[in-house]
Each structure stands twice: as structure tokens, then as C-alpha cells.
Amino acid sequence: MNRRTLRAFGFGLLTLAVTATYAQSGDPRRGLAVAQDICAACHAIRKGERSTNANAPTFETIAAVPGMTTIALQASLQTSHTSMPNLILQADDRANVIAYIMSLKAD
């Protein structure tokens, strides 16, 4: 194999590894349970509800953001926000909450 082929192969493996990391599938039902315990104090977590904190977008609104993806939510939930408590979710809880939010997307 020449260097160009090896680089392309290495880049492909790296891309696959990153994609697999972010493509964790979660359980929306478990995500709802986590959201009820952790997020519902500020955010409306179900369709049609209003957030108790006017500065906290509803999960339905978050899901409806144009271009919202699992990867975008993953990045968002791992980044501090000045207007939000610095919550640290375990990877499986984070994947489940993301799956729940993504389940709220309009069909």
C-alpha cells in the first residue's frame, strides 16, 4: 500500500470511530425518566407543556431547531451554559435523554 492509500484508510477508520461514538442509540423511555428527574424543574419535557423557567426552552422547541441532530445535542449536553446548571450526565443517561428529545421531532 502506498502512503496515500494508508492515509485514506486511517482517515476512514478515524471517521468510523468518531461516528460510532456519537451514534450511540438511547432509549427514549429511559430518557423521559431521566428528564423528569433532572430537567423538568426548568424545562417542559413533554409536547404542549410550557417551561417553568421562561429562559429554558421546551424539549419540543429544542427538537424542532432546524438541523438539530443527535451529534448537536451530544455537543450541547457536554458544554457548560451560563444560564443552566453545570449538569454532568453519565453517557447512557445522556444518550437516553437525546433519544427522547429526538423522539419529539415533528414527523
PDB file of N, CA and C in Angstrom:
ATOM      1  N   MET A   1       0.846  -1.191   0.000  1.00  0.00           N
ATOM      2  CA  MET A   1       0.000   0.000   0.000  1.00  0.00           C
ATOM      3  C   MET A   1       0.880   1.239   0.000  1.00  0.00           C
ATOM      4  N   ASN A   2       0.454   2.228  -0.739  1.00  0.00           N
ATOM      5  CA  ASN A   2       1.222   3.469  -0.727  1.00  0.00           C
ATOM      6  C   ASN A   2       0.722   4.380   0.389  1.00  0.00           C
ATOM      7  N   ARG A   3       1.435   5.462   0.595  1.00  0.00           N
ATOM      8  CA  ARG A   3       1.087   6.390   1.698  1.00  0.00           C
ATOM      9  C   ARG A   3      -0.305   6.984   1.537  1.00  0.00           C
ATOM     10  N   ARG A   4      -0.655   7.340   0.344  1.00  0.00           N
ATOM     11  CA  ARG A   4      -1.975   7.944   0.096  1.00  0.00           C
ATOM     12  C   ARG A   4      -3.081   6.972   0.499  1.00  0.00           C
ATOM     13  N   THR A   5      -2.944   5.737   0.153  1.00  0.00           N
ATOM     14  CA  THR A   5      -3.945   4.728   0.500  1.00  0.00           C
ATOM     15  C   THR A   5      -3.994   4.522   2.010  1.00  0.00           C
ATOM     16  N   LEU A   6      -2.821   4.466   2.633  1.00  0.00           N
ATOM     17  CA  LEU A   6      -2.778   4.305   4.080  1.00  0.00           C
ATOM     18  C   LEU A   6      -3.430   5.479   4.799  1.00  0.00           C
ATOM     19  N   ARG A   7      -3.172   6.696   4.335  1.00  0.00           N
ATOM     20  CA  ARG A   7      -3.805   7.880   4.943  1.00  0.00           C
ATOM     21  C   ARG A   7      -5.316   7.827   4.789  1.00  0.00           C
ATOM     22  N   ALA A   8      -5.786   7.489   3.601  1.00  0.00           N
ATOM     23  CA  ALA A   8      -7.233   7.399   3.366  1.00  0.00           C
ATOM     24  C   ALA A   8      -7.855   6.332   4.256  1.00  0.00           C
ATOM     25  N   PHE A   9      -7.170   5.199   4.372  1.00  0.00           N
ATOM     26  CA  PHE A   9      -7.659   4.125   5.230  1.00  0.00           C
ATOM     27  C   PHE A   9      -7.705   4.581   6.689  1.00  0.00           C
ATOM     28  N   GLY A  10      -6.638   5.231   7.162  1.00  0.00           N
ATOM     29  CA  GLY A  10      -6.592   5.739   8.535  1.00  0.00           C
ATOM     30  C   GLY A  10      -7.676   6.762   8.790  1.00  0.00           C
ATOM     31  N   PHE A  11      -7.875   7.680   7.839  1.00  0.00           N
ATOM     32  CA  PHE A  11      -8.925   8.682   7.976  1.00  0.00           C
ATOM     33  C   PHE A  11     -10.298   8.015   8.041  1.00  0.00           C
ATOM     34  N   GLY A  12     -10.496   7.003   7.233  1.00  0.00           N
ATOM     35  CA  GLY A  12     -11.768   6.271   7.252  1.00  0.00           C
ATOM     36  C   GLY A  12     -12.017   5.598   8.592  1.00  0.00           C
ATOM     37  N   LEU A  13     -10.980   4.985   9.153  1.00  0.00           N
ATOM     38  CA  LEU A  13     -11.131   4.354  10.469  1.00  0.00           C
ATOM     39  C   LEU A  13     -11.424   5.382  11.549  1.00  0.00           C
ATOM     40  N   LEU A  14     -10.738   6.511  11.499  1.00  0.00           N
ATOM     41  CA  LEU A  14     -10.983   7.575  12.476  1.00  0.00           C
ATOM     42  C   LEU A  14     -12.408   8.090  12.356  1.00  0.00           C
ATOM     43  N   THR A  15     -12.869   8.318  11.147  1.00  0.00           N
ATOM     44  CA  THR A  15     -14.240   8.783  10.924  1.00  0.00           C
ATOM     45  C   THR A  15     -15.240   7.772  11.461  1.00  0.00           C
ATOM     46  N   LEU A  16     -14.990   6.500  11.222  1.00  0.00           N
ATOM     47  CA  LEU A  16     -15.878   5.451  11.712  1.00  0.00           C
ATOM     48  C   LEU A  16     -15.916   5.430  13.233  1.00  0.00           C
ATOM     49  N   ALA A  17     -14.760   5.590  13.866  1.00  0.00           N
ATOM     50  CA  ALA A  17     -14.702   5.584  15.332  1.00  0.00           C
ATOM     51  C   ALA A  17     -15.464   6.761  15.917  1.00  0.00           C
ATOM     52  N   VAL A  18     -15.288   7.945  15.342  1.00  0.00           N
ATOM     53  CA  VAL A  18     -15.988   9.135  15.829  1.00  0.00           C
ATOM     54  C   VAL A  18     -17.487   8.982  15.615  1.00  0.00           C
ATOM     55  N   THR A  19     -17.875   8.501  14.456  1.00  0.00           N
ATOM     56  CA  THR A  19     -19.298   8.311  14.165  1.00  0.00           C
ATOM     57  C   THR A  19     -19.914   7.309  15.126  1.00  0.00           C
ATOM     58  N   ALA A  20     -19.222   6.231  15.403  1.00  0.00           N
ATOM     59  CA  ALA A  20     -19.748   5.222  16.329  1.00  0.00           C
ATOM     60  C   ALA A  20     -19.910   5.798  17.728  1.00  0.00           C
ATOM     61  N   THR A  21     -18.988   6.648  18.137  1.00  0.00           N
ATOM     62  CA  THR A  21     -19.074   7.261  19.453  1.00  0.00           C
ATOM     63  C   THR A  21     -20.321   8.133  19.558  1.00  0.00           C
ATOM     64  N   TYR A  22     -20.591   8.924  18.525  1.00  0.00           N
ATOM     65  CA  TYR A  22     -21.722   9.832  18.576  1.00  0.00           C
ATOM     66  C   TYR A  22     -23.032   9.183  18.165  1.00  0.00           C
ATOM     67  N   ALA A  23     -22.964   8.013  17.596  1.00  0.00           N
ATOM     68  CA  ALA A  23     -24.182   7.371  17.120  1.00  0.00           C
ATOM     69  C   ALA A  23     -24.784   6.445  18.167  1.00  0.00           C
ATOM     70  N   GLN A  24     -24.388   6.620  19.416  1.00  0.00           N
ATOM     71  CA  GLN A  24     -24.961   5.805  20.475  1.00  0.00           C
ATOM     72  C   GLN A  24     -26.471   5.933  20.416  1.00  0.00           C
ATOM     73  N   SER A  25     -27.114   4.805  20.395  1.00  0.00           N
ATOM     74  CA  SER A  25     -28.568   4.891  20.410  1.00  0.00           C
ATOM     75  C   SER A  25     -29.024   4.803  21.851  1.00  0.00           C
ATOM     76  N   GLY A  26     -29.994   5.594  22.162  1.00  0.00           N
ATOM     77  CA  GLY A  26     -30.534   5.608  23.512  1.00  0.00           C
ATOM     78  C   GLY A  26     -31.956   5.108  23.532  1.00  0.00           C
ATOM     79  N   ASP A  27     -32.502   5.026  24.706  1.00  0.00           N
ATOM     80  CA  ASP A  27     -33.872   4.575  24.921  1.00  0.00           C
ATOM     81  C   ASP A  27     -34.716   5.789  25.300  1.00  0.00           C
ATOM     82  N   PRO A  28     -35.624   6.220  24.421  1.00  0.00           N
ATOM     83  CA  PRO A  28     -36.436   7.397  24.714  1.00  0.00           C
ATOM     84  C   PRO A  28     -37.234   7.289  26.015  1.00  0.00           C
ATOM     85  N   ARG A  29     -37.712   6.087  26.356  1.00  0.00           N
ATOM     86  CA  ARG A  29     -38.476   5.929  27.603  1.00  0.00           C
ATOM     87  C   ARG A  29     -37.598   6.189  28.824  1.00  0.00           C
ATOM     88  N   ARG A  30     -36.388   5.682  28.779  1.00  0.00           N
ATOM     89  CA  ARG A  30     -35.459   5.949  29.877  1.00  0.00           C
ATOM     90  C   ARG A  30     -35.042   7.416  29.884  1.00  0.00           C
ATOM     91  N   GLY A  31     -34.930   7.995  28.683  1.00  0.00           N
ATOM     92  CA  GLY A  31     -34.599   9.414  28.585  1.00  0.00           C
ATOM     93  C   GLY A  31     -35.669  10.284  29.211  1.00  0.00           C
ATOM     94  N   LEU A  32     -36.935   9.925  29.024  1.00  0.00           N
ATOM     95  CA  LEU A  32     -38.031  10.653  29.656  1.00  0.00           C
ATOM     96  C   LEU A  32     -37.913  10.566  31.177  1.00  0.00           C
ATOM     97  N   ALA A  33     -37.589   9.397  31.691  1.00  0.00           N
ATOM     98  CA  ALA A  33     -37.441   9.240  33.146  1.00  0.00           C
ATOM     99  C   ALA A  33     -36.299  10.101  33.686  1.00  0.00           C
ATOM    100  N   VAL A  34     -35.178  10.130  32.985  1.00  0.00           N
ATOM    101  CA  VAL A  34     -34.048  10.974  33.399  1.00  0.00           C
ATOM    102  C   VAL A  34     -34.456  12.438  33.336  1.00  0.00           C
ATOM    103  N   ALA A  35     -35.129  12.816  32.258  1.00  0.00           N
ATOM    104  CA  ALA A  35     -35.569  14.206  32.090  1.00  0.00           C
ATOM    105  C   ALA A  35     -36.535  14.615  33.205  1.00  0.00           C
ATOM    106  N   GLN A  36     -37.417  13.718  33.603  1.00  0.00           N
ATOM    107  CA  GLN A  36     -38.346  14.027  34.695  1.00  0.00           C
ATOM    108  C   GLN A  36     -37.577  14.288  35.987  1.00  0.00           C
ATOM    109  N   ASP A  37     -36.534  13.513  36.230  1.00  0.00           N
ATOM    110  CA  ASP A  37     -35.757  13.648  37.463  1.00  0.00           C
ATOM    111  C   ASP A  37     -34.837  14.862  37.452  1.00  0.00           C
ATOM    112  N   ILE A  38     -34.251  15.169  36.301  1.00  0.00           N
ATOM    113  CA  ILE A  38     -33.182  16.164  36.262  1.00  0.00           C
ATOM    114  C   ILE A  38     -33.564  17.463  35.551  1.00  0.00           C
ATOM    115  N   CYS A  39     -34.312  17.373  34.486  1.00  0.00           N
ATOM    116  CA  CYS A  39     -34.530  18.532  33.605  1.00  0.00           C
ATOM    117  C   CYS A  39     -35.855  19.260  33.831  1.00  0.00           C
ATOM    118  N   ALA A  40     -36.852  18.522  34.321  1.00  0.00           N
ATOM    119  CA  ALA A  40     -38.214  19.064  34.381  1.00  0.00           C
ATOM    120  C   ALA A  40     -38.376  20.220  35.363  1.00  0.00           C
ATOM    121  N   ALA A  41     -37.426  20.437  36.241  1.00  0.00           N
ATOM    122  CA  ALA A  41     -37.532  21.571  37.167  1.00  0.00           C
ATOM    123  C   ALA A  41     -37.513  22.891  36.403  1.00  0.00           C
ATOM    124  N   CYS A  42     -36.874  22.905  35.240  1.00  0.00           N
ATOM    125  CA  CYS A  42     -36.793  24.145  34.443  1.00  0.00           C
ATOM    126  C   CYS A  42     -37.437  24.003  33.070  1.00  0.00           C
ATOM    127  N   HIS A  43     -37.209  22.857  32.415  1.00  0.00           N
ATOM    128  CA  HIS A  43     -37.675  22.651  31.042  1.00  0.00           C
ATOM    129  C   HIS A  43     -39.012  21.924  31.006  1.00  0.00           C
ATOM    130  N   ALA A  44     -39.860  22.295  30.048  1.00  0.00           N
ATOM    131  CA  ALA A  44     -41.029  21.475  29.734  1.00  0.00           C
ATOM    132  C   ALA A  44     -40.490  20.304  28.925  1.00  0.00           C
ATOM    133  N   ILE A  45     -40.738  19.107  29.366  1.00  0.00           N
ATOM    134  CA  ILE A  45     -40.153  17.954  28.713  1.00  0.00           C
ATOM    135  C   ILE A  45     -41.134  17.210  27.814  1.00  0.00           C
ATOM    136  N   ARG A  46     -42.415  17.529  27.925  1.00  0.00           N
ATOM    137  CA  ARG A  46     -43.434  16.875  27.090  1.00  0.00           C
ATOM    138  C   ARG A  46     -44.014  17.865  26.096  1.00  0.00           C
ATOM    139  N   LYS A  47     -44.510  17.325  24.996  1.00  0.00           N
ATOM    140  CA  LYS A  47     -45.135  18.165  23.967  1.00  0.00           C
ATOM    141  C   LYS A  47     -46.305  18.939  24.565  1.00  0.00           C
ATOM    142  N   GLY A  48     -46.409  20.201  24.163  1.00  0.00           N
ATOM    143  CA  GLY A  48     -47.531  21.027  24.580  1.00  0.00           C
ATOM    144  C   GLY A  48     -47.398  21.673  25.942  1.00  0.00           C
ATOM    145  N   GLU A  49     -46.356  21.356  26.695  1.00  0.00           N
ATOM    146  CA  GLU A  49     -46.160  21.966  28.007  1.00  0.00           C
ATOM    147  C   GLU A  49     -45.378  23.267  27.866  1.00  0.00           C
ATOM    148  N   ARG A  50     -45.428  24.081  28.923  1.00  0.00           N
ATOM    149  CA  ARG A  50     -44.628  25.307  28.997  1.00  0.00           C
ATOM    150  C   ARG A  50     -43.574  25.117  30.082  1.00  0.00           C
ATOM    151  N   SER A  51     -42.381  25.617  29.812  1.00  0.00           N
ATOM    152  CA  SER A  51     -41.305  25.507  30.799  1.00  0.00           C
ATOM    153  C   SER A  51     -41.604  26.366  32.004  1.00  0.00           C
ATOM    154  N   THR A  52     -41.258  25.882  33.184  1.00  0.00           N
ATOM    155  CA  THR A  52     -41.442  26.666  34.408  1.00  0.00           C
ATOM    156  C   THR A  52     -40.469  27.837  34.450  1.00  0.00           C
ATOM    157  N   ASN A  53     -39.333  27.701  33.793  1.00  0.00           N
ATOM    158  CA  ASN A  53     -38.351  28.776  33.673  1.00  0.00           C
ATOM    159  C   ASN A  53     -38.480  29.342  32.267  1.00  0.00           C
ATOM    160  N   ALA A  54     -38.874  30.598  32.165  1.00  0.00           N
ATOM    161  CA  ALA A  54     -39.101  31.214  30.853  1.00  0.00           C
ATOM    162  C   ALA A  54     -37.849  31.214  29.983  1.00  0.00           C
ATOM    163  N   ASN A  55     -36.674  31.125  30.582  1.00  0.00           N
ATOM    164  CA  ASN A  55     -35.428  31.106  29.813  1.00  0.00           C
ATOM    165  C   ASN A  55     -35.027  29.706  29.352  1.00  0.00           C
ATOM    166  N   ALA A  56     -35.751  28.702  29.806  1.00  0.00           N
ATOM    167  CA  ALA A  56     -35.428  27.320  29.449  1.00  0.00           C
ATOM    168  C   ALA A  56     -36.336  26.867  28.312  1.00  0.00           C
ATOM    169  N   PRO A  57     -35.768  26.605  27.157  1.00  0.00           N
ATOM    170  CA  PRO A  57     -36.620  26.172  26.034  1.00  0.00           C
ATOM    171  C   PRO A  57     -37.255  24.813  26.331  1.00  0.00           C
ATOM    172  N   THR A  58     -38.396  24.597  25.749  1.00  0.00           N
ATOM    173  CA  THR A  58     -39.043  23.297  25.901  1.00  0.00           C
ATOM    174  C   THR A  58     -38.248  22.264  25.106  1.00  0.00           C
ATOM    175  N   PHE A  59     -38.349  21.019  25.487  1.00  0.00           N
ATOM    176  CA  PHE A  59     -37.681  19.970  24.728  1.00  0.00           C
ATOM    177  C   PHE A  59     -38.254  19.902  23.314  1.00  0.00           C
ATOM    178  N   GLU A  60     -39.539  20.178  23.177  1.00  0.00           N
ATOM    179  CA  GLU A  60     -40.172  20.184  21.860  1.00  0.00           C
ATOM    180  C   GLU A  60     -39.538  21.265  20.979  1.00  0.00           C
ATOM    181  N   THR A  61     -39.274  22.439  21.564  1.00  0.00           N
ATOM    182  CA  THR A  61     -38.636  23.531  20.824  1.00  0.00           C
ATOM    183  C   THR A  61     -37.216  23.145  20.425  1.00  0.00           C
ATOM    184  N   ILE A  62     -36.495  22.522  21.349  1.00  0.00           N
ATOM    185  CA  ILE A  62     -35.121  22.089  21.051  1.00  0.00           C
ATOM    186  C   ILE A  62     -35.133  21.087  19.904  1.00  0.00           C
ATOM    187  N   ALA A  63     -36.045  20.134  19.944  1.00  0.00           N
ATOM    188  CA  ALA A  63     -36.129  19.119  18.894  1.00  0.00           C
ATOM    189  C   ALA A  63     -36.462  19.738  17.542  1.00  0.00           C
ATOM    190  N   ALA A  64     -37.204  20.843  17.549  1.00  0.00           N
ATOM    191  CA  ALA A  64     -37.648  21.470  16.306  1.00  0.00           C
ATOM    192  C   ALA A  64     -36.634  22.437  15.701  1.00  0.00           C
ATOM    193  N   VAL A  65     -35.513  22.658  16.363  1.00  0.00           N
ATOM    194  CA  VAL A  65     -34.498  23.559  15.810  1.00  0.00           C
ATOM    195  C   VAL A  65     -34.048  22.981  14.466  1.00  0.00           C
ATOM    196  N   PRO A  66     -34.076  23.803  13.404  1.00  0.00           N
ATOM    197  CA  PRO A  66     -33.655  23.301  12.096  1.00  0.00           C
ATOM    198  C   PRO A  66     -32.238  22.713  12.161  1.00  0.00           C
ATOM    199  N   GLY A  67     -32.095  21.522  11.627  1.00  0.00           N
ATOM    200  CA  GLY A  67     -30.796  20.869  11.607  1.00  0.00           C
ATOM    201  C   GLY A  67     -30.407  20.198  12.913  1.00  0.00           C
ATOM    202  N   MET A  68     -31.314  20.151  13.886  1.00  0.00           N
ATOM    203  CA  MET A  68     -30.989  19.514  15.166  1.00  0.00           C
ATOM    204  C   MET A  68     -30.696  18.041  14.925  1.00  0.00           C
ATOM    205  N   THR A  69     -29.573  17.604  15.454  1.00  0.00           N
ATOM    206  CA  THR A  69     -29.145  16.224  15.288  1.00  0.00           C
ATOM    207  C   THR A  69     -28.703  15.655  16.632  1.00  0.00           C
ATOM    208  N   THR A  70     -28.528  14.367  16.640  1.00  0.00           N
ATOM    209  CA  THR A  70     -28.012  13.691  17.824  1.00  0.00           C
ATOM    210  C   THR A  70     -26.633  14.245  18.180  1.00  0.00           C
ATOM    211  N   ILE A  71     -25.809  14.463  17.178  1.00  0.00           N
ATOM    212  CA  ILE A  71     -24.460  14.981  17.420  1.00  0.00           C
ATOM    213  C   ILE A  71     -24.519  16.382  18.023  1.00  0.00           C
ATOM    214  N   ALA A  72     -25.419  17.228  17.519  1.00  0.00           N
ATOM    215  CA  ALA A  72     -25.548  18.589  18.054  1.00  0.00           C
ATOM    216  C   ALA A  72     -25.987  18.551  19.522  1.00  0.00           C
ATOM    217  N   LEU A  73     -26.923  17.684  19.841  1.00  0.00           N
ATOM    218  CA  LEU A  73     -27.368  17.561  21.234  1.00  0.00           C
ATOM    219  C   LEU A  73     -26.258  17.007  22.117  1.00  0.00           C
ATOM    220  N   GLN A  74     -25.515  16.048  21.587  1.00  0.00           N
ATOM    221  CA  GLN A  74     -24.392  15.481  22.332  1.00  0.00           C
ATOM    222  C   GLN A  74     -23.407  16.599  22.698  1.00  0.00           C
ATOM    223  N   ALA A  75     -23.063  17.422  21.729  1.00  0.00           N
ATOM    224  CA  ALA A  75     -22.125  18.526  21.982  1.00  0.00           C
ATOM    225  C   ALA A  75     -22.714  19.513  22.979  1.00  0.00           C
ATOM    226  N   SER A  76     -23.978  19.822  22.818  1.00  0.00           N
ATOM    227  CA  SER A  76     -24.632  20.791  23.696  1.00  0.00           C
ATOM    228  C   SER A  76     -24.675  20.305  25.143  1.00  0.00           C
ATOM    229  N   LEU A  77     -24.960  19.034  25.324  1.00  0.00           N
ATOM    230  CA  LEU A  77     -25.069  18.496  26.677  1.00  0.00           C
ATOM    231  C   LEU A  77     -23.712  18.279  27.344  1.00  0.00           C
ATOM    232  N   GLN A  78     -22.650  18.431  26.584  1.00  0.00           N
ATOM    233  CA  GLN A  78     -21.312  18.298  27.153  1.00  0.00           C
ATOM    234  C   GLN A  78     -20.609  19.649  27.252  1.00  0.00           C
ATOM    235  N   THR A  79     -21.357  20.728  27.038  1.00  0.00           N
ATOM    236  CA  THR A  79     -20.806  22.074  27.083  1.00  0.00           C
ATOM    237  C   THR A  79     -21.503  22.860  28.188  1.00  0.00           C
ATOM    238  N   SER A  80     -20.739  23.597  28.976  1.00  0.00           N
ATOM    239  CA  SER A  80     -21.328  24.422  30.034  1.00  0.00           C
ATOM    240  C   SER A  80     -22.154  25.543  29.427  1.00  0.00           C
ATOM    241  N   HIS A  81     -23.231  25.898  30.100  1.00  0.00           N
ATOM    242  CA  HIS A  81     -24.076  27.018  29.700  1.00  0.00           C
ATOM    243  C   HIS A  81     -24.179  27.955  30.907  1.00  0.00           C
ATOM    244  N   THR A  82     -23.987  29.236  30.683  1.00  0.00           N
ATOM    245  CA  THR A  82     -24.033  30.178  31.804  1.00  0.00           C
ATOM    246  C   THR A  82     -25.418  30.266  32.415  1.00  0.00           C
ATOM    247  N   SER A  83     -26.446  30.010  31.628  1.00  0.00           N
ATOM    248  CA  SER A  83     -27.815  30.129  32.136  1.00  0.00           C
ATOM    249  C   SER A  83     -28.375  28.802  32.645  1.00  0.00           C
ATOM    250  N   MET A  84     -27.531  27.782  32.717  1.00  0.00           N
ATOM    251  CA  MET A  84     -28.012  26.462  33.096  1.00  0.00           C
ATOM    252  C   MET A  84     -27.037  25.858  34.106  1.00  0.00           C
ATOM    253  N   PRO A  85     -27.548  25.084  35.066  1.00  0.00           N
ATOM    254  CA  PRO A  85     -26.634  24.425  35.996  1.00  0.00           C
ATOM    255  C   PRO A  85     -25.667  23.513  35.234  1.00  0.00           C
ATOM    256  N   ASN A  86     -24.487  23.355  35.758  1.00  0.00           N
ATOM    257  CA  ASN A  86     -23.495  22.503  35.113  1.00  0.00           C
ATOM    258  C   ASN A  86     -23.771  21.047  35.466  1.00  0.00           C
ATOM    259  N   LEU A  87     -24.702  20.443  34.744  1.00  0.00           N
ATOM    260  CA  LEU A  87     -25.086  19.056  34.991  1.00  0.00           C
ATOM    261  C   LEU A  87     -24.166  18.126  34.218  1.00  0.00           C
ATOM    262  N   ILE A  88     -23.752  17.077  34.862  1.00  0.00           N
ATOM    263  CA  ILE A  88     -22.923  16.081  34.191  1.00  0.00           C
ATOM    264  C   ILE A  88     -23.713  14.785  34.169  1.00  0.00           C
ATOM    265  N   LEU A  89     -24.130  14.408  32.978  1.00  0.00           N
ATOM    266  CA  LEU A  89     -24.886  13.170  32.805  1.00  0.00           C
ATOM    267  C   LEU A  89     -23.938  12.045  32.424  1.00  0.00           C
ATOM    268  N   GLN A  90     -24.191  10.866  32.946  1.00  0.00           N
ATOM    269  CA  GLN A  90     -23.451   9.688  32.516  1.00  0.00           C
ATOM    270  C   GLN A  90     -23.761   9.455  31.039  1.00  0.00           C
ATOM    271  N   ALA A  91     -22.867   8.806  30.322  1.00  0.00           N
ATOM    272  CA  ALA A  91     -23.019   8.616  28.876  1.00  0.00           C
ATOM    273  C   ALA A  91     -24.344   7.953  28.508  1.00  0.00           C
ATOM    274  N   ASP A  92     -24.758   6.931  29.256  1.00  0.00           N
ATOM    275  CA  ASP A  92     -26.014   6.258  28.913  1.00  0.00           C
ATOM    276  C   ASP A  92     -27.218   7.147  29.192  1.00  0.00           C
ATOM    277  N   ASP A  93     -27.192   7.911  30.285  1.00  0.00           N
ATOM    278  CA  ASP A  93     -28.281   8.844  30.561  1.00  0.00           C
ATOM    279  C   ASP A  93     -28.351   9.920  29.481  1.00  0.00           C
ATOM    280  N   ARG A  94     -27.190  10.426  29.078  1.00  0.00           N
ATOM    281  CA  ARG A  94     -27.137  11.453  28.031  1.00  0.00           C
ATOM    282  C   ARG A  94     -27.708  10.903  26.722  1.00  0.00           C
ATOM    283  N   ALA A  95     -27.311   9.681  26.348  1.00  0.00           N
ATOM    284  CA  ALA A  95     -27.825   9.062  25.123  1.00  0.00           C
ATOM    285  C   ALA A  95     -29.334   8.869  25.204  1.00  0.00           C
ATOM    286  N   ASN A  96     -29.837   8.506  26.377  1.00  0.00           N
ATOM    287  CA  ASN A  96     -31.279   8.298  26.545  1.00  0.00           C
ATOM    288  C   ASN A  96     -32.046   9.614  26.458  1.00  0.00           C
ATOM    289  N   VAL A  97     -31.531  10.663  27.085  1.00  0.00           N
ATOM    290  CA  VAL A  97     -32.193  11.977  27.010  1.00  0.00           C
ATOM    291  C   VAL A  97     -32.189  12.479  25.565  1.00  0.00           C
ATOM    292  N   ILE A  98     -31.085  12.299  24.876  1.00  0.00           N
ATOM    293  CA  ILE A  98     -31.002  12.713  23.477  1.00  0.00           C
ATOM    294  C   ILE A  98     -32.022  11.941  22.641  1.00  0.00           C
ATOM    295  N   ALA A  99     -32.119  10.640  22.868  1.00  0.00           N
ATOM    296  CA  ALA A  99     -33.106   9.837  22.129  1.00  0.00           C
ATOM    297  C   ALA A  99     -34.522  10.336  22.408  1.00  0.00           C
ATOM    298  N   TYR A 100     -34.782  10.715  23.664  1.00  0.00           N
ATOM    299  CA  TYR A 100     -36.111  11.229  23.992  1.00  0.00           C
ATOM    300  C   TYR A 100     -36.374  12.555  23.276  1.00  0.00           C
ATOM    301  N   ILE A 101     -35.416  13.469  23.348  1.00  0.00           N
ATOM    302  CA  ILE A 101     -35.609  14.767  22.673  1.00  0.00           C
ATOM    303  C   ILE A 101     -35.810  14.569  21.176  1.00  0.00           C
ATOM    304  N   MET A 102     -35.009  13.703  20.574  1.00  0.00           N
ATOM    305  CA  MET A 102     -35.139  13.475  19.140  1.00  0.00           C
ATOM    306  C   MET A 102     -36.492  12.824  18.805  1.00  0.00           C
ATOM    307  N   SER A 103     -37.072  12.095  19.747  1.00  0.00           N
ATOM    308  CA  SER A 103     -38.385  11.480  19.513  1.00  0.00           C
ATOM    309  C   SER A 103     -39.488  12.532  19.450  1.00  0.00           C
ATOM    310  N   LEU A 104     -39.210  13.744  19.915  1.00  0.00           N
ATOM    311  CA  LEU A 104     -40.202  14.810  19.896  1.00  0.00           C
ATOM    312  C   LEU A 104     -40.235  15.581  18.574  1.00  0.00           C
ATOM    313  N   LYS A 105     -39.307  15.279  17.680  1.00  0.00           N
ATOM    314  CA  LYS A 105     -39.284  15.946  16.377  1.00  0.00           C
ATOM    315  C   LYS A 105     -40.610  15.698  15.661  1.00  0.00           C
ATOM    316  N   ALA A 106     -41.081  16.731  15.004  1.00  0.00           N
ATOM    317  CA  ALA A 106     -42.310  16.581  14.212  1.00  0.00           C
ATOM    318  C   ALA A 106     -42.037  15.654  13.035  1.00  0.00           C
ATOM    319  N   ASP A 107     -43.009  14.832  12.718  1.00  0.00           N
ATOM    320  CA  ASP A 107     -42.842  13.883  11.609  1.00  0.00           C
ATOM    321  C   ASP A 107     -42.930  14.526  10.277  1.00  0.00           C
TER     322      ASP A 107
END
